[in-house]
Amino acid sequence: MEVKTGLWKKTSKDGKTNYYFGQRDGVKVTLFKNEKREGKDNDPDLNVIIDIEDAGGGSDATAPLDGDDDIPFS
């Protein structure tokens, strides 16, 4: 198995939410706890956002971005 990217632990701008973020070749991956989980078996513990910008763009960035602009919480 080949590792495509790693995930870095980050904190939202308001300091209330921890999440994990990684990117490579125009694909961004964000993993965060499901705060709306009601304890049902079909409720996921974690949510994943995959944002594919320009997968063929040639960027080989594996470090996290400086800002949290694309994160769905403030």
N, C-alpha and C. Protein backbone atom coordinates (compact mmCIF):
# COMPACT_ATOMS: atom_id res chain seq x y z
N MET A 1 0.84 -1.17 0.00
CA MET A 1 0.00 0.00 0.00
C MET A 1 0.89 1.24 0.00
N GLU A 2 0.51 2.22 -0.78
CA GLU A 2 1.26 3.47 -0.89
C GLU A 2 0.52 4.57 -0.15
N VAL A 3 1.22 5.32 0.68
CA VAL A 3 0.63 6.46 1.38
C VAL A 3 0.62 7.65 0.42
N LYS A 4 -0.55 8.22 0.20
CA LYS A 4 -0.68 9.34 -0.72
C LYS A 4 -0.48 10.68 -0.04
N THR A 5 -0.88 10.82 1.20
CA THR A 5 -0.68 12.03 2.00
C THR A 5 -0.86 11.68 3.46
N GLY A 6 -0.47 12.58 4.31
CA GLY A 6 -0.72 12.44 5.73
C GLY A 6 -1.81 13.43 6.14
N LEU A 7 -2.26 13.33 7.37
CA LEU A 7 -3.24 14.26 7.92
C LEU A 7 -2.62 14.97 9.11
N TRP A 8 -2.83 16.27 9.18
CA TRP A 8 -2.29 17.08 10.26
C TRP A 8 -3.43 17.53 11.16
N LYS A 9 -3.23 17.46 12.47
CA LYS A 9 -4.24 17.91 13.42
C LYS A 9 -4.25 19.44 13.45
N LYS A 10 -5.44 20.01 13.34
CA LYS A 10 -5.61 21.46 13.36
C LYS A 10 -6.76 21.81 14.28
N THR A 11 -6.92 23.07 14.57
CA THR A 11 -8.02 23.57 15.39
C THR A 11 -8.71 24.68 14.63
N SER A 12 -10.05 24.71 14.71
CA SER A 12 -10.82 25.74 14.01
C SER A 12 -10.47 27.12 14.55
N LYS A 13 -10.84 28.15 13.79
CA LYS A 13 -10.50 29.52 14.16
C LYS A 13 -11.06 29.90 15.52
N ASP A 14 -12.23 29.38 15.89
CA ASP A 14 -12.82 29.71 17.19
C ASP A 14 -12.22 28.88 18.32
N GLY A 15 -11.35 27.93 17.99
CA GLY A 15 -10.67 27.12 18.99
C GLY A 15 -11.51 26.01 19.60
N LYS A 16 -12.71 25.78 19.08
CA LYS A 16 -13.61 24.80 19.67
C LYS A 16 -13.59 23.43 19.01
N THR A 17 -13.11 23.34 17.78
CA THR A 17 -13.19 22.09 17.03
C THR A 17 -11.82 21.65 16.55
N ASN A 18 -11.46 20.41 16.86
CA ASN A 18 -10.24 19.81 16.31
C ASN A 18 -10.61 18.99 15.09
N TYR A 19 -9.75 19.00 14.10
CA TYR A 19 -9.97 18.23 12.88
C TYR A 19 -8.62 17.86 12.28
N TYR A 20 -8.64 17.02 11.27
CA TYR A 20 -7.43 16.59 10.58
C TYR A 20 -7.52 16.97 9.12
N PHE A 21 -6.41 17.43 8.55
CA PHE A 21 -6.41 17.94 7.19
C PHE A 21 -5.15 17.50 6.46
N GLY A 22 -5.31 17.17 5.17
CA GLY A 22 -4.17 16.86 4.31
C GLY A 22 -4.55 17.16 2.88
N GLN A 23 -3.54 17.34 2.04
CA GLN A 23 -3.80 17.59 0.62
C GLN A 23 -2.65 17.10 -0.23
N ARG A 24 -2.99 16.80 -1.49
CA ARG A 24 -1.98 16.40 -2.47
C ARG A 24 -2.61 16.42 -3.85
N ASP A 25 -1.90 16.94 -4.80
CA ASP A 25 -2.32 16.95 -6.20
C ASP A 25 -3.73 17.50 -6.38
N GLY A 26 -4.07 18.58 -5.69
CA GLY A 26 -5.36 19.22 -5.85
C GLY A 26 -6.50 18.54 -5.11
N VAL A 27 -6.20 17.53 -4.32
CA VAL A 27 -7.23 16.84 -3.54
C VAL A 27 -7.02 17.18 -2.07
N LYS A 28 -8.07 17.74 -1.44
CA LYS A 28 -8.00 18.08 -0.02
C LYS A 28 -8.89 17.11 0.76
N VAL A 29 -8.39 16.63 1.89
CA VAL A 29 -9.13 15.70 2.74
C VAL A 29 -9.24 16.32 4.13
N THR A 30 -10.46 16.40 4.65
CA THR A 30 -10.70 16.90 6.00
C THR A 30 -11.50 15.86 6.76
N LEU A 31 -11.06 15.52 7.96
CA LEU A 31 -11.70 14.52 8.80
C LEU A 31 -12.03 15.17 10.13
N PHE A 32 -13.31 15.08 10.56
CA PHE A 32 -13.69 15.69 11.82
C PHE A 32 -14.79 14.90 12.50
N LYS A 33 -14.90 15.09 13.83
CA LYS A 33 -15.89 14.39 14.64
C LYS A 33 -17.29 14.83 14.26
N ASN A 34 -18.21 13.87 14.21
CA ASN A 34 -19.60 14.16 13.90
C ASN A 34 -20.27 14.70 15.17
N GLU A 35 -20.40 16.01 15.27
CA GLU A 35 -20.98 16.65 16.46
C GLU A 35 -22.49 16.45 16.55
N LYS A 36 -23.13 16.04 15.46
CA LYS A 36 -24.58 15.86 15.44
C LYS A 36 -24.98 14.40 15.63
N ARG A 37 -24.04 13.57 16.05
CA ARG A 37 -24.31 12.15 16.24
C ARG A 37 -25.32 11.97 17.37
N GLU A 38 -26.34 11.16 17.13
CA GLU A 38 -27.38 10.93 18.11
C GLU A 38 -27.25 9.57 18.79
N GLY A 39 -26.16 8.85 18.56
CA GLY A 39 -25.94 7.58 19.21
C GLY A 39 -26.56 6.39 18.50
N LYS A 40 -27.17 6.62 17.36
CA LYS A 40 -27.75 5.52 16.59
C LYS A 40 -26.64 4.75 15.89
N ASP A 41 -26.87 3.47 15.63
CA ASP A 41 -25.86 2.63 14.99
C ASP A 41 -25.47 3.14 13.60
N ASN A 42 -26.39 3.79 12.91
CA ASN A 42 -26.08 4.24 11.55
C ASN A 42 -25.54 5.67 11.52
N ASP A 43 -25.35 6.31 12.67
CA ASP A 43 -24.73 7.63 12.74
C ASP A 43 -23.21 7.47 12.77
N PRO A 44 -22.50 8.09 11.83
CA PRO A 44 -21.04 7.94 11.82
C PRO A 44 -20.39 8.69 12.98
N ASP A 45 -19.27 8.17 13.45
CA ASP A 45 -18.49 8.84 14.48
C ASP A 45 -17.71 10.02 13.91
N LEU A 46 -17.29 9.88 12.66
CA LEU A 46 -16.48 10.90 11.99
C LEU A 46 -17.10 11.24 10.64
N ASN A 47 -16.83 12.46 10.17
CA ASN A 47 -17.22 12.88 8.83
C ASN A 47 -15.97 13.17 8.02
N VAL A 48 -16.04 12.94 6.72
CA VAL A 48 -14.92 13.19 5.82
C VAL A 48 -15.40 14.10 4.70
N ILE A 49 -14.62 15.13 4.42
CA ILE A 49 -14.87 15.99 3.27
C ILE A 49 -13.71 15.78 2.31
N ILE A 50 -14.03 15.48 1.06
CA ILE A 50 -13.01 15.35 0.02
C ILE A 50 -13.30 16.41 -1.03
N ASP A 51 -12.37 17.32 -1.22
CA ASP A 51 -12.51 18.42 -2.16
C ASP A 51 -11.50 18.23 -3.28
N ILE A 52 -12.00 17.95 -4.47
CA ILE A 52 -11.12 17.75 -5.62
C ILE A 52 -11.16 19.01 -6.46
N GLU A 53 -10.05 19.75 -6.43
CA GLU A 53 -9.98 21.00 -7.17
C GLU A 53 -9.53 20.74 -8.60
N ASP A 54 -8.26 20.45 -8.75
CA ASP A 54 -7.68 20.19 -10.07
C ASP A 54 -6.69 19.06 -9.89
N ALA A 55 -7.19 17.82 -9.90
CA ALA A 55 -6.38 16.65 -9.57
C ALA A 55 -5.17 16.51 -10.49
N GLY A 56 -5.20 17.09 -11.68
CA GLY A 56 -4.07 16.99 -12.59
C GLY A 56 -3.18 18.21 -12.56
N GLY A 57 -3.34 19.06 -11.56
CA GLY A 57 -2.64 20.34 -11.51
C GLY A 57 -1.16 20.25 -11.26
N GLY A 58 -0.65 19.10 -10.84
CA GLY A 58 0.78 18.94 -10.68
C GLY A 58 1.32 19.38 -9.34
N SER A 59 0.51 19.94 -8.48
CA SER A 59 0.97 20.33 -7.15
C SER A 59 1.21 19.08 -6.33
N ASP A 60 2.36 19.01 -5.67
CA ASP A 60 2.69 17.86 -4.84
C ASP A 60 2.75 18.26 -3.37
N ALA A 61 1.89 19.20 -2.99
CA ALA A 61 1.92 19.70 -1.61
C ALA A 61 1.38 18.64 -0.66
N THR A 62 2.14 18.36 0.39
CA THR A 62 1.68 17.41 1.40
C THR A 62 1.53 18.07 2.75
N ALA A 63 1.91 19.34 2.88
CA ALA A 63 1.77 20.05 4.15
C ALA A 63 0.41 20.74 4.20
N PRO A 64 -0.12 20.95 5.39
CA PRO A 64 -1.42 21.61 5.50
C PRO A 64 -1.37 23.06 5.06
N LEU A 65 -2.51 23.58 4.66
CA LEU A 65 -2.61 24.98 4.31
C LEU A 65 -2.54 25.83 5.56
N ASP A 66 -2.15 27.10 5.42
CA ASP A 66 -2.06 28.00 6.56
C ASP A 66 -3.43 28.41 7.08
N GLY A 67 -4.40 28.59 6.18
CA GLY A 67 -5.70 29.08 6.59
C GLY A 67 -6.72 27.97 6.72
N ASP A 68 -7.86 28.31 7.26
CA ASP A 68 -8.96 27.37 7.42
C ASP A 68 -10.12 27.75 6.52
N ASP A 69 -9.85 28.41 5.40
CA ASP A 69 -10.90 28.96 4.55
C ASP A 69 -11.88 27.93 4.03
N ASP A 70 -11.45 26.71 3.79
CA ASP A 70 -12.31 25.69 3.22
C ASP A 70 -12.98 24.80 4.27
N ILE A 71 -12.77 25.09 5.55
CA ILE A 71 -13.32 24.26 6.60
C ILE A 71 -14.75 24.71 6.89
N PRO A 72 -15.70 23.78 7.03
CA PRO A 72 -17.11 24.13 7.11
C PRO A 72 -17.58 24.63 8.48
N PHE A 73 -16.68 25.14 9.29
CA PHE A 73 -17.08 25.71 10.56
C PHE A 73 -16.15 26.85 10.86
N SER A 74 -16.57 27.76 11.72
CA SER A 74 -15.73 28.93 11.99
C SER A 74 -15.27 28.99 13.42
